[in-house]
Amino acid sequence: MVVRMRHTRAHTANRRSHHALKAQTLGKCECGAMRVSHRACPACGRYRGRVVVDVAAKAQAKAAKKSKVEKAQKEAVQK
């Protein structure tokens, strides 16, 4: 099947001019860390002046999970 109406290179380039990736805009959090706009701060867990993510509890849970996995791996090696 033959293409009836081809687009010129200029027409194709004009269409593709909007395909470029843009850099994320960063803003400063209340704690002073840089964060992505419209997202909670990864350092303190605040968004729009209130805490929405408990960062300390997440860190404790992650550490507990890691120690549990390490303990299970040691037991598997001993057997």
C-alpha atoms as a PDB file:
ATOM      1  CA  MET A   1       0.000   0.000   0.000  1.00  0.00           C
ATOM      2  CA  VAL A   2       1.374   3.407  -0.964  1.00  0.00           C
ATOM      3  CA  VAL A   3       1.124   6.501   1.210  1.00  0.00           C
ATOM      4  CA  ARG A   4      -0.947   9.051  -0.651  1.00  0.00           C
ATOM      5  CA  MET A   5      -0.095  12.285   1.147  1.00  0.00           C
ATOM      6  CA  ARG A   6       3.391  12.297   2.623  1.00  0.00           C
ATOM      7  CA  HIS A   7       4.359  14.797   5.287  1.00  0.00           C
ATOM      8  CA  THR A   8       7.436  16.863   4.566  1.00  0.00           C
ATOM      9  CA  ARG A   9      10.407  16.731   6.914  1.00  0.00           C
ATOM     10  CA  ALA A  10       9.528  20.194   8.188  1.00  0.00           C
ATOM     11  CA  HIS A  11       5.963  19.151   9.017  1.00  0.00           C
ATOM     12  CA  THR A  12       7.231  16.075  10.862  1.00  0.00           C
ATOM     13  CA  ALA A  13       9.823  18.124  12.756  1.00  0.00           C
ATOM     14  CA  ASN A  14       7.204  20.693  13.769  1.00  0.00           C
ATOM     15  CA  ARG A  15       5.022  17.936  15.194  1.00  0.00           C
ATOM     16  CA  ARG A  16       7.937  16.368  17.054  1.00  0.00           C
ATOM     17  CA  SER A  17       9.119  19.676  18.516  1.00  0.00           C
ATOM     18  CA  HIS A  18       6.937  19.037  21.573  1.00  0.00           C
ATOM     19  CA  HIS A  19       8.419  15.590  22.262  1.00  0.00           C
ATOM     20  CA  ALA A  20      11.489  16.913  24.092  1.00  0.00           C
ATOM     21  CA  LEU A  21      11.869  16.051  27.768  1.00  0.00           C
ATOM     22  CA  LYS A  22      11.805  18.913  30.242  1.00  0.00           C
ATOM     23  CA  ALA A  23      13.824  19.103  33.443  1.00  0.00           C
ATOM     24  CA  GLN A  24      11.888  18.820  36.688  1.00  0.00           C
ATOM     25  CA  THR A  25      11.434  22.061  38.568  1.00  0.00           C
ATOM     26  CA  LEU A  26      12.728  21.918  42.115  1.00  0.00           C
ATOM     27  CA  GLY A  27      11.602  24.002  45.040  1.00  0.00           C
ATOM     28  CA  LYS A  28      12.911  24.434  48.568  1.00  0.00           C
ATOM     29  CA  CYS A  29      11.106  22.709  51.411  1.00  0.00           C
ATOM     30  CA  GLU A  30      10.595  24.252  54.854  1.00  0.00           C
ATOM     31  CA  CYS A  31      13.427  22.023  56.106  1.00  0.00           C
ATOM     32  CA  GLY A  32      15.762  23.468  53.453  1.00  0.00           C
ATOM     33  CA  ALA A  33      15.987  20.373  51.263  1.00  0.00           C
ATOM     34  CA  MET A  34      15.292  20.537  47.555  1.00  0.00           C
ATOM     35  CA  ARG A  35      12.147  18.697  46.461  1.00  0.00           C
ATOM     36  CA  VAL A  36      10.108  18.164  43.316  1.00  0.00           C
ATOM     37  CA  SER A  37       7.114  20.490  43.015  1.00  0.00           C
ATOM     38  CA  HIS A  38       3.734  19.097  44.119  1.00  0.00           C
ATOM     39  CA  ARG A  39       5.374  16.182  45.958  1.00  0.00           C
ATOM     40  CA  ALA A  40       6.076  15.487  49.613  1.00  0.00           C
ATOM     41  CA  CYS A  41       9.612  16.203  50.770  1.00  0.00           C
ATOM     42  CA  PRO A  42      11.708  13.008  50.927  1.00  0.00           C
ATOM     43  CA  ALA A  43      13.783  14.432  53.802  1.00  0.00           C
ATOM     44  CA  CYS A  44      11.067  15.495  56.262  1.00  0.00           C
ATOM     45  CA  GLY A  45       7.804  14.181  54.754  1.00  0.00           C
ATOM     46  CA  ARG A  46       6.041  17.549  54.680  1.00  0.00           C
ATOM     47  CA  TYR A  47       3.746  18.861  51.970  1.00  0.00           C
ATOM     48  CA  ARG A  48       2.013  22.237  52.064  1.00  0.00           C
ATOM     49  CA  GLY A  49       3.015  22.861  55.674  1.00  0.00           C
ATOM     50  CA  ARG A  50       1.884  19.571  57.230  1.00  0.00           C
ATOM     51  CA  VAL A  51       3.446  16.158  57.718  1.00  0.00           C
ATOM     52  CA  VAL A  52       1.957  13.657  55.280  1.00  0.00           C
ATOM     53  CA  VAL A  53       4.660  10.949  55.395  1.00  0.00           C
ATOM     54  CA  ASP A  54       6.213   9.756  58.651  1.00  0.00           C
ATOM     55  CA  VAL A  55       9.825   9.447  57.468  1.00  0.00           C
ATOM     56  CA  ALA A  56      11.163   8.239  60.840  1.00  0.00           C
ATOM     57  CA  ALA A  57       8.657   5.376  61.047  1.00  0.00           C
ATOM     58  CA  LYS A  58       9.426   4.371  57.460  1.00  0.00           C
ATOM     59  CA  ALA A  59      13.156   4.258  58.237  1.00  0.00           C
ATOM     60  CA  GLN A  60      12.552   2.110  61.335  1.00  0.00           C
ATOM     61  CA  ALA A  61      10.324  -0.294  59.387  1.00  0.00           C
ATOM     62  CA  LYS A  62      12.913  -0.586  56.625  1.00  0.00           C
ATOM     63  CA  ALA A  63      15.690  -1.295  59.144  1.00  0.00           C
ATOM     64  CA  ALA A  64      13.564  -3.921  60.906  1.00  0.00           C
ATOM     65  CA  LYS A  65      12.752  -5.628  57.605  1.00  0.00           C
ATOM     66  CA  LYS A  66      16.427  -5.629  56.595  1.00  0.00           C
ATOM     67  CA  SER A  67      17.519  -7.181  59.898  1.00  0.00           C
ATOM     68  CA  LYS A  68      14.790  -9.828  59.597  1.00  0.00           C
ATOM     69  CA  VAL A  69      15.957 -10.751  56.085  1.00  0.00           C
ATOM     70  CA  GLU A  70      19.607 -10.894  57.184  1.00  0.00           C
ATOM     71  CA  LYS A  71      18.659 -13.138  60.115  1.00  0.00           C
ATOM     72  CA  ALA A  72      16.738 -15.474  57.802  1.00  0.00           C
ATOM     73  CA  GLN A  73      19.710 -15.638  55.416  1.00  0.00           C
ATOM     74  CA  LYS A  74      22.111 -16.515  58.270  1.00  0.00           C
ATOM     75  CA  GLU A  75      19.802 -19.304  59.421  1.00  0.00           C
ATOM     76  CA  ALA A  76      19.553 -20.656  55.869  1.00  0.00           C
ATOM     77  CA  VAL A  77      23.348 -20.710  55.544  1.00  0.00           C
ATOM     78  CA  GLN A  78      23.757 -22.529  58.883  1.00  0.00           C
ATOM     79  CA  LYS A  79      21.386 -25.339  57.820  1.00  0.00           C
END
